[in-house]
Protein backbone atom coordinates (compact mmCIF):
# COMPACT_ATOMS: atom_id res chain seq x y z
CA UNK A 1 83.42 91.67 64.05
CA UNK A 2 81.39 91.86 60.81
CA UNK A 3 78.05 90.14 61.19
CA UNK A 4 78.66 87.96 58.06
CA UNK A 5 81.96 86.85 59.45
CA UNK A 6 80.36 86.04 62.87
CA UNK A 7 77.63 84.06 61.11
CA UNK A 8 80.27 82.06 59.15
CA UNK A 9 82.01 81.16 62.38
CA UNK A 10 78.74 80.05 63.96
CA UNK A 11 77.89 78.06 60.85
CA UNK A 12 81.07 76.24 61.01
CA UNK A 13 80.75 75.33 64.59
CA UNK A 14 77.10 74.13 63.82
CA UNK A 15 78.50 71.88 61.07
CA UNK A 16 81.12 70.44 63.41
CA UNK A 17 78.54 69.66 66.13
CA UNK A 18 76.20 68.14 63.49
CA UNK A 19 78.88 65.79 62.26
CA UNK A 20 79.54 64.67 65.90
CA UNK A 21 75.80 63.98 66.28
CA UNK A 22 75.56 61.84 63.08
CA UNK A 23 78.60 59.82 64.02
CA UNK A 24 77.01 59.07 67.36
CA UNK A 25 73.67 57.97 65.79
CA UNK A 26 75.39 55.85 63.18
CA UNK A 27 77.29 54.18 65.81
CA UNK A 28 74.26 53.10 67.55
CA UNK A 29 72.53 52.00 64.37
CA UNK A 30 75.50 50.04 62.99
CA UNK A 31 75.57 47.99 66.16
CA UNK A 32 72.25 46.53 65.28
CA UNK A 33 71.86 43.67 62.76
CA UNK A 34 70.00 45.59 60.12
CA UNK A 35 69.95 43.72 56.82
CA UNK A 36 67.59 45.98 54.88
CA UNK A 37 64.22 47.74 54.96
CA UNK A 38 62.82 51.10 56.04
CA UNK A 39 63.61 52.26 59.50
CA UNK A 40 62.03 55.29 61.33
CA UNK A 41 63.78 56.66 64.37
CA UNK A 42 61.89 59.16 66.44
CA UNK A 43 63.57 61.16 69.24
CA UNK A 44 61.05 61.38 72.01
CA UNK A 45 61.79 65.01 72.72
CA UNK A 46 60.37 65.73 69.38
CA UNK A 47 63.34 67.59 67.95
CA UNK A 48 63.82 65.48 64.85
CA UNK A 49 62.32 62.58 62.91
CA UNK A 50 64.58 61.15 60.14
CA UNK A 51 63.41 58.33 57.86
CA UNK A 52 66.29 56.10 56.36
CA UNK A 53 65.12 54.16 53.34
CA UNK A 54 66.44 50.79 52.18
CA UNK A 55 65.23 48.62 49.18
CA UNK A 56 62.97 46.31 51.10
CA UNK A 57 60.65 47.64 53.86
CA UNK A 58 61.19 46.15 57.22
CA UNK A 59 60.72 47.74 60.70
CA UNK A 60 63.51 47.47 63.32
CA UNK A 61 62.97 47.79 67.00
CA UNK A 62 65.30 49.10 69.67
CA UNK A 63 65.84 48.39 73.34
CA UNK A 64 64.64 50.95 75.91
CA UNK A 65 68.39 51.79 76.76
CA UNK A 66 69.15 52.43 73.06
CA UNK A 67 66.05 54.67 72.70
CA UNK A 68 67.07 56.61 75.88
CA UNK A 69 70.57 57.02 74.54
CA UNK A 70 69.30 58.21 71.19
CA UNK A 71 67.03 60.71 73.13
CA UNK A 72 70.11 62.11 74.94
CA UNK A 73 72.26 62.66 71.86
CA UNK A 74 70.79 66.02 70.83
CA UNK A 75 71.35 67.46 74.35
CA UNK A 76 74.90 66.39 74.39
CA UNK A 77 75.30 67.81 70.95
CA UNK A 78 74.01 71.04 72.13
CA UNK A 79 76.52 71.07 75.02
CA UNK A 80 79.38 70.08 72.64
CA UNK A 81 78.25 72.99 70.39
CA UNK A 82 78.39 75.52 73.23
CA UNK A 83 81.84 74.21 74.40
CA UNK A 84 83.11 74.09 70.78
CA UNK A 85 82.06 77.78 70.14
CA UNK A 86 83.87 78.91 73.33
CA UNK A 87 86.98 77.04 72.53
CA UNK A 88 86.86 78.42 68.91
CA UNK A 89 87.12 82.03 70.11
CA UNK A 90 89.13 81.47 73.42
CA UNK A 91 92.14 83.74 74.08
CA UNK A 92 95.69 82.31 73.94
CA UNK A 93 96.67 82.61 77.61
CA UNK A 94 100.28 83.00 78.73
CA UNK A 95 101.03 81.52 82.11
CA UNK A 96 101.61 84.05 84.80
CA UNK A 97 102.55 83.99 88.45
CA UNK A 98 102.59 86.46 91.33
CA UNK A 99 105.73 88.55 91.85
CA UNK A 100 106.48 90.21 95.29
CA UNK A 101 108.63 93.24 94.36
CA UNK A 102 110.41 95.99 96.35
CA UNK A 103 108.11 98.93 96.83
CA UNK A 104 110.36 101.14 94.62
CA UNK A 105 109.40 99.28 91.38
CA UNK A 106 112.20 99.08 89.02
CA UNK A 107 111.01 100.30 85.59
CA UNK A 108 112.46 98.03 82.98
CA UNK A 109 113.84 99.41 79.72
CA UNK A 110 112.75 97.45 76.64
CA UNK A 111 115.55 98.98 74.62
CA UNK A 112 118.85 100.78 75.26
CA UNK A 113 118.75 104.57 74.58
CA UNK A 114 116.24 107.31 74.77
CA UNK A 115 112.71 105.71 74.88
CA UNK A 116 111.09 108.90 73.55
CA UNK A 117 113.15 108.46 70.28
CA UNK A 118 112.22 104.73 70.19
CA UNK A 119 108.63 105.30 70.50
CA UNK A 120 108.34 108.53 68.54
CA UNK A 121 105.71 111.14 68.65
CA UNK A 122 102.08 110.62 69.51
CA UNK A 123 102.35 109.19 73.04
CA UNK A 124 100.63 110.37 76.16
CA UNK A 125 104.03 111.44 77.77
CA UNK A 126 104.83 113.64 74.74
CA UNK A 127 108.03 115.59 75.41
CA UNK A 128 108.94 118.90 73.89
CA UNK A 129 110.40 117.77 70.60
CA UNK A 130 111.13 121.19 69.32
CA UNK A 131 113.63 121.94 72.16
CA UNK A 132 117.27 120.86 71.70
CA UNK A 133 118.85 119.38 74.84
CA UNK A 134 121.23 122.12 76.11
CA UNK A 135 124.58 121.39 77.69
CA UNK A 136 123.31 122.99 80.93
CA UNK A 137 119.89 123.94 82.23
CA UNK A 138 118.49 125.40 85.52
CA UNK A 139 114.78 125.59 86.16
CA UNK A 140 115.32 128.74 88.27
CA UNK A 141 115.92 130.46 84.87
CA UNK A 142 113.76 128.74 82.30
CA UNK A 143 113.70 131.33 79.48
CA UNK A 144 113.68 134.00 81.95
CA UNK A 145 111.00 132.45 84.08
CA UNK A 146 111.49 130.55 87.47
CA UNK A 147 109.60 127.30 87.73
CA UNK A 148 111.30 126.11 90.92
CA UNK A 149 109.42 126.95 94.09
CA UNK A 150 111.37 127.96 97.21
CA UNK A 151 113.33 125.48 99.22
CA UNK A 152 111.25 123.74 101.91
CA UNK A 153 112.31 122.36 105.29
CA UNK A 154 110.93 118.80 106.28
CA UNK A 155 112.20 119.27 109.83
CA UNK A 156 112.47 116.15 111.81
CA UNK A 157 109.92 114.36 109.69
CA UNK A 158 110.60 111.53 107.08
CA UNK A 159 108.60 113.26 104.39
CA UNK A 160 111.39 113.88 101.87
CA UNK A 161 109.19 111.93 99.33
CA UNK A 162 106.33 114.32 99.73
CA UNK A 163 108.48 117.52 99.55
CA UNK A 164 110.24 116.30 96.39
CA UNK A 165 107.07 115.09 94.72
CA UNK A 166 105.14 118.30 95.43
CA UNK A 167 108.08 120.49 94.28
CA UNK A 168 107.84 118.54 90.96
CA UNK A 169 104.10 119.01 90.74
CA UNK A 170 104.54 122.78 91.53
CA UNK A 171 107.05 123.10 88.71
CA UNK A 172 104.70 121.36 86.30
CA UNK A 173 101.87 123.72 87.16
CA UNK A 174 104.07 126.76 86.80
CA UNK A 175 105.18 125.68 83.22
CA UNK A 176 101.49 125.34 82.26
CA UNK A 177 100.15 128.26 84.33
CA UNK A 178 102.81 130.86 85.14
CA UNK A 179 100.16 133.12 86.67
CA UNK A 180 99.96 130.81 89.63
CA UNK A 181 103.31 132.45 90.69
CA UNK A 182 106.36 130.84 91.88
CA UNK A 183 106.35 132.84 95.17
CA UNK A 184 102.71 131.95 95.82
CA UNK A 185 102.31 128.39 94.78
CA UNK A 186 102.79 126.02 97.83
CA UNK A 187 101.08 122.65 98.05
CA UNK A 188 100.54 120.78 101.36
CA UNK A 189 102.88 118.11 102.39
CA UNK A 190 100.70 117.54 105.51
CA UNK A 191 97.61 116.72 103.37
CA UNK A 192 99.51 114.19 101.26
CA UNK A 193 101.26 112.51 104.22
CA UNK A 194 98.07 112.32 106.20
CA UNK A 195 96.03 110.53 103.54
CA UNK A 196 98.82 108.12 102.89
CA UNK A 197 98.33 106.77 106.42
CA UNK A 198 94.62 107.40 107.19
CA UNK A 199 91.26 106.20 105.94
CA UNK A 200 88.94 108.23 103.66
CA UNK A 201 85.46 108.21 102.51
CA UNK A 202 83.85 109.84 99.51
CA UNK A 203 85.36 108.30 96.34
CA UNK A 204 83.14 107.83 93.27
CA UNK A 205 80.68 104.95 93.93
CA UNK A 206 82.70 104.20 97.07
CA UNK A 207 85.09 102.40 94.84
CA UNK A 208 88.14 102.66 97.24
CA UNK A 209 86.64 103.72 100.53
CA UNK A 210 87.33 100.27 102.07
CA UNK A 211 90.99 100.49 101.23
CA UNK A 212 93.33 102.28 103.71
CA UNK A 213 96.27 102.27 106.04
CA UNK A 214 96.33 103.66 109.54
CA UNK A 215 98.70 103.75 112.56
CA UNK A 216 97.45 101.80 115.52
CA UNK A 217 98.77 101.59 119.12
CA UNK A 218 99.76 105.28 119.47
CA UNK A 219 99.29 106.72 123.03
CA UNK A 220 98.41 103.38 124.62
CA UNK A 221 101.33 103.60 127.08
CA UNK A 222 102.49 106.45 129.30
CA UNK A 223 106.04 106.01 127.76
CA UNK A 224 104.78 106.93 124.44
CA UNK A 225 104.06 110.60 125.13
CA UNK A 226 106.35 111.87 122.39
CA UNK A 227 103.79 110.73 119.71
CA UNK A 228 100.65 111.02 121.52
CA UNK A 229 99.90 114.20 119.71
CA UNK A 230 99.13 112.17 116.49
CA UNK A 231 102.17 113.10 114.31
CA UNK A 232 103.45 109.60 113.83
CA UNK A 233 102.31 109.77 110.21
CA UNK A 234 105.03 112.33 109.61
CA UNK A 235 107.64 109.67 110.33
CA UNK A 236 106.56 107.57 107.35
CA UNK A 237 109.33 107.05 104.77
CA UNK A 238 107.98 106.65 101.14
CA UNK A 239 108.61 106.34 97.45
CA UNK A 240 106.86 107.30 94.38
CA UNK A 241 104.25 104.62 94.74
CA UNK A 242 102.92 106.46 97.80
CA UNK A 243 102.35 109.60 95.66
CA UNK A 244 100.52 107.53 93.00
CA UNK A 245 98.35 105.76 95.65
CA UNK A 246 97.21 109.12 97.10
CA UNK A 247 97.34 111.66 94.37
CA UNK A 248 96.27 109.63 91.33
CA UNK A 249 93.08 108.83 93.51
CA UNK A 250 92.57 112.57 93.59
CA UNK A 251 93.24 112.81 97.38
CA UNK A 252 94.76 116.17 96.92
CA UNK A 253 97.01 117.90 96.31
CA UNK A 254 95.72 121.06 98.00
CA UNK A 255 97.26 124.39 98.90
CA UNK A 256 99.35 124.69 102.02
CA UNK A 257 97.09 126.90 104.07
CA UNK A 258 95.16 126.73 107.40
CA UNK A 259 94.67 123.21 108.64
CA UNK A 260 96.60 121.88 105.72
CA UNK A 261 99.78 123.61 106.90
CA UNK A 262 102.28 122.16 109.53
CA UNK A 263 102.85 124.19 112.62
CA UNK A 264 106.55 123.89 113.69
CA UNK A 265 108.34 124.33 116.88
CA UNK A 266 112.01 123.98 117.81
CA UNK A 267 112.83 121.38 120.42
CA UNK A 268 116.45 120.57 119.94
CA UNK A 269 115.67 120.01 116.16
CA UNK A 270 112.75 121.27 114.01
CA UNK A 271 109.72 119.21 115.16
CA UNK A 272 106.24 119.21 113.61
CA UNK A 273 103.49 120.10 116.10
CA UNK A 274 100.15 118.39 116.03
CA UNK A 275 97.50 120.57 114.42
CA UNK A 276 94.70 117.92 113.97
CA UNK A 277 93.44 116.53 110.56
CA UNK A 278 93.75 118.34 107.31
CA UNK A 279 90.78 119.19 105.07
CA UNK A 280 88.85 116.42 103.33
CA UNK A 281 90.61 114.23 100.82
CA UNK A 282 88.61 115.14 97.74
CA UNK A 283 87.50 118.24 95.84
CA UNK A 284 90.95 119.53 94.99
CA UNK A 285 91.67 122.09 92.23
CA UNK A 286 94.69 120.01 91.01
CA UNK A 287 94.52 116.56 89.52
CA UNK A 288 97.66 114.42 89.01
CA UNK A 289 96.97 112.57 85.77
CA UNK A 290 100.60 111.28 84.94
CA UNK A 291 103.54 109.99 86.91
CA UNK A 292 106.19 109.12 84.26
CA UNK A 293 108.96 106.99 85.49
CA UNK A 294 112.37 105.95 83.93
CA UNK A 295 115.37 104.22 85.39
CA UNK A 296 118.16 106.78 86.16
CA UNK A 297 120.77 104.83 83.95
CA UNK A 298 123.22 106.51 81.75
CA UNK A 299 121.26 105.11 78.72
CA UNK A 300 118.29 107.27 79.82
CA UNK A 301 120.12 110.48 80.54
CA UNK A 302 118.83 112.41 77.54
CA UNK A 303 115.33 111.18 78.19
CA UNK A 304 115.53 112.39 81.79
CA UNK A 305 116.66 115.78 80.50
CA UNK A 306 113.60 115.93 78.09
CA UNK A 307 111.34 115.10 81.12
CA UNK A 308 112.80 117.98 83.10
CA UNK A 309 112.38 120.36 80.10
CA UNK A 310 108.88 119.29 79.57
CA UNK A 311 107.45 118.82 82.94
CA UNK A 312 109.48 121.15 85.16
CA UNK A 313 111.55 118.56 87.13
CA UNK A 314 111.96 114.99 88.21
CA UNK A 315 112.33 113.38 91.72
CA UNK A 316 115.24 111.08 92.36
CA UNK A 317 116.81 108.87 95.07
CA UNK A 318 120.14 109.43 96.81
CA UNK A 319 121.94 107.99 99.74
CA UNK A 320 122.21 110.85 102.38
CA UNK A 321 123.86 108.80 105.16
CA UNK A 322 127.20 110.64 105.68
CA UNK A 323 128.60 107.54 107.48
CA UNK A 324 128.72 105.61 104.18
CA UNK A 325 131.96 107.20 103.07
CA UNK A 326 130.46 109.98 100.84
CA UNK A 327 130.82 113.59 101.70
CA UNK A 328 127.13 114.84 101.27
CA UNK A 329 127.76 118.58 101.98
CA UNK A 330 131.42 118.85 100.65
CA UNK A 331 130.93 122.17 98.74
CA UNK A 332 127.23 121.15 98.19
CA UNK A 333 128.17 118.20 96.03
CA UNK A 334 127.27 114.56 96.29
CA UNK A 335 128.71 111.50 94.76
CA UNK A 336 128.16 107.99 95.91
CA UNK A 337 130.51 105.67 94.06
CA UNK A 338 130.50 102.73 96.51
CA UNK A 339 129.16 99.38 95.33
CA UNK A 340 125.41 99.55 95.05
CA UNK A 341 123.50 97.73 97.72
CA UNK A 342 126.56 96.60 99.54
CA UNK A 343 126.82 97.58 103.24
CA UNK A 344 123.37 99.05 103.02
CA UNK A 345 124.38 101.39 100.41
CA UNK A 346 120.77 101.98 99.18
CA UNK A 347 118.44 104.95 98.68
CA UNK A 348 117.26 106.62 101.80
CA UNK A 349 116.27 110.17 100.69
CA UNK A 350 114.31 111.80 97.82
CA UNK A 351 115.09 115.14 96.22
CA UNK A 352 114.00 117.19 93.21
CA UNK A 353 116.18 117.51 90.12
CA UNK A 354 115.64 120.88 88.39
CA UNK A 355 118.61 121.16 86.12
CA UNK A 356 122.02 119.70 84.98
CA UNK A 357 125.50 120.77 83.71
CA UNK A 358 127.35 118.31 81.34
CA UNK A 359 130.67 120.07 82.05
CA UNK A 360 130.49 120.14 85.81
CA UNK A 361 134.03 119.13 86.87
CA UNK A 362 134.87 115.89 88.64
CA UNK A 363 137.22 117.68 91.13
CA UNK A 364 134.16 119.27 92.77
CA UNK A 365 133.39 115.92 94.43
CA UNK A 366 135.16 113.97 97.06
CA UNK A 367 135.73 111.19 96.31
CA UNK A 368 136.18 112.12 92.59
CA UNK A 369 134.06 110.45 90.00
CA UNK A 370 135.37 109.29 86.59
CA UNK A 371 133.05 111.37 84.40
CA UNK A 372 132.20 115.06 84.27
CA UNK A 373 128.64 116.28 84.49
CA UNK A 374 126.05 116.58 87.30
CA UNK A 375 122.37 117.11 88.14
CA UNK A 376 121.28 120.20 89.89
CA UNK A 377 118.98 119.33 92.89
CA UNK A 378 116.64 121.08 95.34
CA UNK A 379 116.67 119.40 98.79
CA UNK A 380 114.11 119.78 101.60
CA UNK A 381 116.43 120.49 104.45
CA UNK A 382 116.08 124.18 104.48
CA UNK A 383 118.35 126.89 102.99
CA UNK A 384 121.19 126.49 105.47
CA UNK A 385 122.06 123.12 104.01
CA UNK A 386 124.07 122.80 100.85
CA UNK A 387 124.14 125.98 98.67
CA UNK A 388 121.06 127.72 99.80
CA UNK A 389 119.20 124.36 99.78
CA UNK A 390 120.59 123.20 96.36
CA UNK A 391 123.35 120.81 95.56
CA UNK A 392 125.03 119.02 92.69
CA UNK A 393 124.64 115.28 92.16
CA UNK A 394 127.31 113.41 89.97
CA UNK A 395 126.15 111.75 86.88
CA UNK A 396 128.09 108.77 88.09
CA UNK A 397 126.20 108.44 91.42
CA UNK A 398 125.28 104.78 91.82
CA UNK A 399 122.00 105.40 93.81
CA UNK A 400 120.72 107.74 91.09
CA UNK A 401 121.66 105.29 88.26
CA UNK A 402 120.04 102.23 89.96
CA UNK A 403 116.69 103.89 90.87
CA UNK A 404 113.82 105.51 89.04
CA UNK A 405 113.22 109.16 88.37
CA UNK A 406 109.77 110.44 88.26
CA UNK A 407 108.03 113.51 86.31
CA UNK A 408 104.55 114.64 87.12
CA UNK A 409 101.76 115.77 84.76
CA UNK A 410 99.03 117.72 86.48
CA UNK A 411 95.71 119.33 85.41
CA UNK A 412 94.37 122.59 86.89
CA UNK A 413 90.65 122.98 87.31
CA UNK A 414 89.40 124.40 84.03
CA UNK A 415 92.00 122.54 81.94
CA UNK A 416 90.57 120.17 79.22
CA UNK A 417 92.01 117.18 81.05
CA UNK A 418 90.57 118.16 84.36
CA UNK A 419 87.72 115.60 84.68
CA UNK A 420 84.72 115.46 86.96
CA UNK A 421 84.80 111.91 88.08
CA UNK A 422 87.50 109.23 88.86
CA UNK A 423 86.12 105.73 88.74
CA UNK A 424 88.61 103.37 90.54
CA UNK A 425 88.66 100.11 92.59
CA UNK A 426 92.32 100.05 93.54
CA UNK A 427 94.28 102.58 95.51
CA UNK A 428 97.22 101.27 97.56
CA UNK A 429 100.09 100.22 95.37
CA UNK A 430 102.49 99.35 98.32
CA UNK A 431 101.96 96.92 101.26
CA UNK A 432 103.58 99.00 103.99
CA UNK A 433 105.12 96.87 106.69
CA UNK A 434 108.06 99.11 107.84
CA UNK A 435 107.61 102.81 108.16
CA UNK A 436 111.32 103.42 108.43
CA UNK A 437 112.97 101.10 105.92
CA UNK A 438 111.46 101.26 102.42
CA UNK A 439 113.21 98.03 101.34
CA UNK A 440 111.01 96.03 103.71
CA UNK A 441 107.77 96.99 102.01
CA UNK A 442 106.44 95.28 98.86
CA UNK A 443 104.30 95.47 95.66
CA UNK A 444 102.37 92.68 94.17
CA UNK A 445 102.26 92.06 90.40
CA UNK A 446 101.78 89.48 87.74
CA UNK A 447 104.76 88.50 85.65
CA UNK A 448 104.81 89.92 82.11
CA UNK A 449 102.20 88.68 79.59
CA UNK A 450 99.90 89.97 76.88
CA UNK A 451 96.94 88.61 78.73
CA UNK A 452 93.75 90.86 78.76
CA UNK A 453 92.27 92.21 81.88
CA UNK A 454 89.71 94.79 82.81
CA UNK A 455 87.36 96.48 85.24
CA UNK A 456 83.56 96.73 85.19
CA UNK A 457 82.14 100.04 86.37
CA UNK A 458 78.56 101.54 86.51
CA UNK A 459 77.83 105.12 85.71
CA UNK A 460 76.44 107.01 88.58
CA UNK A 461 74.67 109.55 86.43
CA UNK A 462 74.41 110.70 82.84
CA UNK A 463 78.07 111.25 81.96
CA UNK A 464 80.63 111.23 79.11
CA UNK A 465 83.52 108.83 79.17
CA UNK A 466 86.54 111.00 78.51
CA UNK A 467 89.74 109.07 79.46
CA UNK A 468 91.24 106.13 81.29
CA UNK A 469 94.46 105.45 83.16
CA UNK A 470 96.76 102.54 84.02
CA UNK A 471 100.19 101.82 85.36
CA UNK A 472 103.02 100.32 83.23
CA UNK A 473 106.08 98.60 84.60
CA UNK A 474 108.17 98.99 81.46
CA UNK A 475 109.18 101.71 78.94
CA UNK A 476 107.80 101.87 75.40
CA UNK A 477 104.36 100.54 76.11
CA UNK A 478 101.55 99.89 73.81
CA UNK A 479 97.95 98.75 74.60
CA UNK A 480 94.65 98.23 72.99
CA UNK A 481 91.63 99.34 74.92
CA UNK A 482 88.11 98.37 74.35
CA UNK A 483 84.87 99.60 76.16
CA UNK A 484 81.68 97.50 76.15
CA UNK A 485 78.42 99.02 77.41
CA UNK A 486 75.99 96.63 79.17
CA UNK A 487 78.33 93.63 78.82
CA UNK A 488 76.68 90.28 78.88
CA UNK A 489 77.62 88.26 81.97
CA UNK A 490 77.67 84.44 82.03
CA UNK A 491 76.40 82.38 84.92
CA UNK A 492 79.67 82.73 86.84
CA UNK A 493 79.52 86.40 86.60
CA UNK A 494 82.38 86.47 83.99
CA UNK A 495 82.41 87.87 80.44
CA UNK A 496 82.90 85.12 77.82
CA UNK A 497 85.66 85.35 75.20
CA UNK A 498 83.00 84.60 72.62
CA UNK A 499 81.06 87.66 73.64
CA UNK A 500 84.15 89.94 73.78
CA UNK A 501 85.42 88.67 70.42
CA UNK A 502 82.11 88.49 68.53
CA UNK A 503 80.64 91.69 69.90
CA UNK A 504 81.85 95.05 68.44
CA UNK A 505 83.05 97.25 71.42
CA UNK A 506 81.29 100.61 71.71
CA UNK A 507 84.67 102.23 71.85
CA UNK A 508 88.24 101.05 70.91
CA UNK A 509 91.62 102.69 70.67
CA UNK A 510 95.22 101.86 70.63
CA UNK A 511 97.63 103.91 72.82
CA UNK A 512 101.37 104.18 73.52
CA UNK A 513 103.71 105.64 76.17
CA UNK A 514 107.60 106.01 76.24
CA UNK A 515 107.97 105.76 79.83
CA UNK A 516 106.73 103.51 82.70
CA UNK A 517 104.61 104.60 85.54
CA UNK A 518 101.17 106.01 85.65
CA UNK A 519 99.47 107.23 82.51
CA UNK A 520 96.33 108.73 81.54
CA UNK A 521 95.01 108.39 77.91
CA UNK A 522 92.16 110.58 76.57
CA UNK A 523 89.78 108.91 74.13
CA UNK A 524 89.68 110.14 70.63
CA UNK A 525 85.87 109.66 70.54
CA UNK A 526 83.69 110.47 73.51
CA UNK A 527 81.09 107.89 74.67
CA UNK A 528 77.85 108.82 76.28
CA UNK A 529 76.88 106.96 79.52
CA UNK A 530 73.43 106.84 80.93
CA UNK A 531 72.83 106.64 84.69
CA UNK A 532 73.09 102.99 85.83
CA UNK A 533 74.81 101.81 82.71
CA UNK A 534 77.51 99.17 83.21
CA UNK A 535 80.66 99.69 81.22
CA UNK A 536 83.50 97.31 80.93
CA UNK A 537 87.07 98.81 80.24
CA UNK A 538 89.29 96.01 78.91
CA UNK A 539 93.08 96.27 78.28
CA UNK A 540 95.14 94.12 76.07
CA UNK A 541 98.86 94.80 76.15
CA UNK A 542 100.62 94.73 72.73
CA UNK A 543 103.85 93.59 74.40
CA UNK A 544 104.46 91.41 77.41
CA UNK A 545 103.94 93.62 80.42
CA UNK A 546 103.98 93.15 84.11
CA UNK A 547 100.65 93.89 85.86
CA UNK A 548 100.69 95.59 89.29
CA UNK A 549 97.61 95.00 91.50
CA UNK A 550 96.29 95.79 94.87
CA UNK A 551 96.12 92.46 96.80
CA UNK A 552 93.14 91.98 99.16
CA UNK A 553 94.30 91.68 102.72
CA UNK A 554 93.77 92.65 106.35
CA UNK A 555 97.13 92.79 108.16
CA UNK A 556 98.88 94.57 111.09
CA UNK A 557 102.63 95.05 110.89
CA UNK A 558 105.32 94.90 113.62
CA UNK A 559 105.96 97.84 115.91
CA UNK A 560 107.92 100.73 114.42
CA UNK A 561 110.36 102.96 116.10
CA UNK A 562 112.22 106.17 114.99
CA UNK A 563 115.90 106.86 115.24
CA UNK A 564 115.67 107.81 118.78
CA UNK A 565 113.82 104.60 119.61
CA UNK A 566 110.49 106.34 120.08
CA UNK A 567 107.48 103.96 119.26
CA UNK A 568 105.61 105.32 116.30
CA UNK A 569 102.92 102.76 115.85
CA UNK A 570 101.93 99.62 113.96
CA UNK A 571 100.65 99.90 110.37
CA UNK A 572 97.24 98.45 109.89
CA UNK A 573 96.20 97.78 106.19
CA UNK A 574 92.87 96.87 104.77
CA UNK A 575 92.39 96.49 101.09
CA UNK A 576 89.16 94.89 99.82
CA UNK A 577 88.56 93.14 96.61
CA UNK A 578 85.65 94.82 94.80
CA UNK A 579 84.77 91.87 92.49
CA UNK A 580 84.83 94.46 89.57
CA UNK A 581 88.33 93.47 88.28
CA UNK A 582 88.55 90.78 85.67
CA UNK A 583 91.41 88.62 84.38
CA UNK A 584 91.45 86.04 81.69
CA UNK A 585 90.69 82.43 82.87
CA UNK A 586 93.43 79.81 82.40
CA UNK A 587 91.55 78.21 79.44
CA UNK A 588 90.96 81.55 77.86
CA UNK A 589 87.32 81.04 77.57
CA UNK A 590 86.36 84.10 79.67
CA UNK A 591 87.39 87.06 81.72
CA UNK A 592 86.46 86.30 85.24
CA UNK A 593 85.96 88.44 88.35
CA UNK A 594 88.86 88.40 90.76
CA UNK A 595 88.11 87.66 94.48
CA UNK A 596 91.57 88.54 95.80
CA UNK A 597 92.81 91.55 93.93
CA UNK A 598 91.99 94.80 92.11
CA UNK A 599 93.69 96.49 89.06
CA UNK A 600 94.89 100.07 88.90
CA UNK A 601 92.68 100.76 85.88
CA UNK A 602 90.64 103.97 86.18
CA UNK A 603 88.01 105.58 84.12
CA UNK A 604 87.37 109.44 83.87
CA UNK A 605 84.03 111.07 83.03
CA UNK A 606 82.42 114.44 82.84
CA UNK A 607 78.89 115.12 83.86
CA UNK A 608 76.51 115.86 80.99
């Protein structure tokens, strides 16, 4: 705010407080029978002395109670002044409540149709606008280059979500860096799955070291020998939230070599053998900076194709249970047309979409869908399944259409958006209760609003603030971000609205995205941070948006069993509130520290 404008506001508030003070004094004086004369009122605290002149001099006396009241008036006026100043600049607060959502967060579409066209250019999830959307596309032959890594085999594990996501990440890296080699690039599913279910240390400033899940109870009973070798974590089902929780925190990904590679043995079916812990969580050469999510509806079909063209592929959900009436491997084609969610017709498998064909005939499927066209998918069941590990998924598939697809945006060490430090206070998006059934796990969020929120960080060393990230629950998002160095805290540890509105931020920017999901925005102007400098990152949504948060808790879930009724452990969760996340107070006068939650708002810096 301009200093002159700020001064005018303060002057107006002072005038209001003075008027209140004069009315109080006049009220006391008028209660006295004063016919005429000169009266001198002296406030004992020495703040003011005011003569009031009448035509004939006459001194008027006051009782002790009246003098005491007059003595207190300036102090009350000062308090009223402070309160009036706060109320004058308070935020308009929209009421919110906690939502308990399914872990596979449904990304809401603000408008029908391709959100990339609605938002236009200049977003962080910028697609390739120069490329026309072809009738058919296959990432195995992208302008003569192959950006689809070889088909993997998840064996007897439940790690389809890890295989699909890492396949998408590999494709994105190959588009940006072809020299990595489609035959050589292989990222570790073991490392990803391990750190989804195990504690870690070493995050910047210890920001998320106290937030973790782990499996408890394994090996406590002689009948549990099957999982005594510590591979229960491989039986964890998952969704995109798991990927964001681990990889957006920079716990990998890493190359699938040495201790980061599964050792397999055949024991009736492919079983993963215990090989101990993987390498440490941090220090990877790859940083996931974007996980762009859209609902798989028909209205978003062109947008999904843009995502595949731009990022290399998208992950999607299917129903792979052949008992549900679909024929999963009938000529390597899948179409689920049964009513969604009826008779447990829900997503239970994740795969990678690498292409499409708008003219793929309906008679390839049994049963036959109404419309032509299909997605081309890479599965994780080895090359003996489907057509050498690939299959076609009808455009009409109800599981695809009712769940999100996700594209990944990754930076390689040396890229301009490969940052040195990741400041964060929230890590685990999903409260995992059930390892086997995704629908039993939940995410916590505020109902949509434009209320401001933020996180207060402190620079560990001399650094440059380069970017920030957040999670959006809707498409076509817009936010205003402000950064304040050394923000002034009030007595309650909050940051007053008066300070935030009347103090020019050290950095401000407006940003947009077409998709929901996890987004990183680079700052147009860099901001230098000295060691030990607190900096407050504040977000104000331009449109009503839901706000996902990590809820503070310590909990232990019920016992989990695999399909063969082997005990696989109880999920223990600990998530601590850092006290660094701030949300606007109900009266709008301040942003106050949260004692029961943290927000997924990260700051990225480079060392100076």
